């Protein structure tokens, strides 16, 4: 479903995520992230952003939050720079590592710490 990349697939995945046993949650999250990535490519950045926001701000595994932050930054660096900054200073080493990787991949001037 994640590869389909349309709102209906995202809705089904979100519903499945709510019912999934704990050991399957990471797999469903990966499918949701894949779906959001495909939505961006298909021109539905607004719906993809909603998925990334939900996955980043919920109490999700660190790897999921890092991938969602990467998606958010790809859509609007300026708007999500505070979230990136917070992740860089996070006590969560996995999230901090994901944020550092995002910074390394950024083009242009380095983000300000002000």
Protein backbone atom coordinates (compact mmCIF):
# COMPACT_ATOMS: atom_id res chain seq x y z
CA UNK A 1 0.00 0.00 0.00
CA UNK A 2 2.86 2.38 0.73
CA UNK A 3 4.07 2.27 -2.86
CA UNK A 4 0.65 3.32 -4.15
CA UNK A 5 1.10 6.79 -2.67
CA UNK A 6 -2.47 8.08 -2.66
CA UNK A 7 -4.69 9.40 0.13
CA UNK A 8 -6.88 6.27 0.18
CA UNK A 9 -3.81 4.06 0.74
CA UNK A 10 -2.61 6.40 3.49
CA UNK A 11 -6.03 6.23 5.17
CA UNK A 12 -5.99 2.42 5.10
CA UNK A 13 -2.47 2.34 6.49
CA UNK A 14 -3.37 4.81 9.25
CA UNK A 15 -6.35 2.65 10.17
CA UNK A 16 -4.19 -0.49 10.14
CA UNK A 17 -1.58 1.24 12.27
CA UNK A 18 -4.16 1.88 14.98
CA UNK A 19 -5.09 -1.81 15.06
CA UNK A 20 -1.66 -3.35 14.49
CA UNK A 21 0.04 -5.38 17.19
CA UNK A 22 3.11 -3.61 18.60
CA UNK A 23 5.53 -5.79 16.64
CA UNK A 24 4.01 -4.62 13.34
CA UNK A 25 3.80 -0.90 14.10
CA UNK A 26 7.27 -0.16 12.68
CA UNK A 27 6.39 -1.91 9.42
CA UNK A 28 3.17 0.06 9.09
CA UNK A 29 5.05 3.28 9.89
CA UNK A 30 7.55 2.46 7.13
CA UNK A 31 4.68 1.94 4.71
CA UNK A 32 3.15 5.28 5.76
CA UNK A 33 6.48 7.04 5.20
CA UNK A 34 6.82 5.38 1.80
CA UNK A 35 3.27 6.44 0.96
CA UNK A 36 4.03 10.03 1.96
CA UNK A 37 7.20 10.03 -0.15
CA UNK A 38 5.21 8.77 -3.15
CA UNK A 39 2.54 11.41 -2.52
CA UNK A 40 5.19 14.13 -2.72
CA UNK A 41 6.36 12.73 -6.06
CA UNK A 42 2.73 12.58 -7.22
CA UNK A 43 2.08 16.21 -6.32
CA UNK A 44 0.13 15.77 -3.08
CA UNK A 45 2.63 17.45 -0.77
CA UNK A 46 -0.07 18.73 1.60
CA UNK A 47 -1.32 15.23 2.46
CA UNK A 48 2.25 13.94 2.69
CA UNK A 49 3.05 16.74 5.12
CA UNK A 50 0.12 15.72 7.33
CA UNK A 51 1.48 12.16 7.47
CA UNK A 52 5.02 13.34 8.26
CA UNK A 53 3.72 15.68 10.99
CA UNK A 54 1.69 12.90 12.64
CA UNK A 55 4.63 10.51 12.59
CA UNK A 56 7.11 13.10 13.85
CA UNK A 57 5.09 14.58 16.71
CA UNK A 58 3.60 11.33 18.05
CA UNK A 59 5.48 9.07 20.42
CA UNK A 60 6.87 6.97 17.60
CA UNK A 61 10.15 5.06 17.45
CA UNK A 62 13.15 7.34 16.93
CA UNK A 63 13.90 6.00 13.44
CA UNK A 64 10.33 6.77 12.34
CA UNK A 65 10.53 10.28 13.76
CA UNK A 66 13.87 10.86 12.02
CA UNK A 67 12.50 9.73 8.66
CA UNK A 68 9.41 11.91 9.13
CA UNK A 69 11.62 14.90 9.96
CA UNK A 70 13.59 14.27 6.77
CA UNK A 71 10.31 14.35 4.82
CA UNK A 72 9.22 17.56 6.53
CA UNK A 73 12.55 19.23 5.81
CA UNK A 74 12.33 18.21 2.15
CA UNK A 75 8.99 20.00 1.92
CA UNK A 76 9.74 23.19 3.82
CA UNK A 77 13.18 23.64 5.39
CA UNK A 78 12.42 27.05 6.84
CA UNK A 79 9.19 26.00 8.57
CA UNK A 80 10.69 22.88 10.15
CA UNK A 81 14.12 24.25 11.04
CA UNK A 82 13.08 24.61 14.72
CA UNK A 83 12.16 20.91 14.79
CA UNK A 84 15.50 20.03 13.20
CA UNK A 85 17.33 22.16 15.74
CA UNK A 86 15.44 20.48 18.59
CA UNK A 87 16.28 17.04 17.19
CA UNK A 88 19.97 17.98 16.97
CA UNK A 89 19.97 18.79 20.68
CA UNK A 90 17.74 15.86 21.63
CA UNK A 91 18.81 13.35 24.23
CA UNK A 92 17.68 10.66 21.78
CA UNK A 93 20.85 9.58 19.96
CA UNK A 94 18.96 7.95 17.05
CA UNK A 95 16.89 11.06 16.41
CA UNK A 96 19.98 13.23 16.85
CA UNK A 97 21.84 11.09 14.31
CA UNK A 98 18.99 11.38 11.81
CA UNK A 99 18.97 15.15 12.28
CA UNK A 100 22.73 15.32 11.76
CA UNK A 101 22.35 13.35 8.52
CA UNK A 102 19.69 15.82 7.35
CA UNK A 103 22.04 18.73 8.07
CA UNK A 104 24.85 17.02 6.14
CA UNK A 105 22.56 16.63 3.13
CA UNK A 106 21.35 20.25 3.14
CA UNK A 107 22.54 22.50 0.37
CA UNK A 108 23.41 26.16 0.74
CA UNK A 109 24.30 27.99 3.90
CA UNK A 110 24.45 26.16 7.18
CA UNK A 111 21.40 26.74 9.38
CA UNK A 112 21.83 29.42 12.01
CA UNK A 113 21.76 28.49 15.67
CA UNK A 114 20.17 31.84 16.59
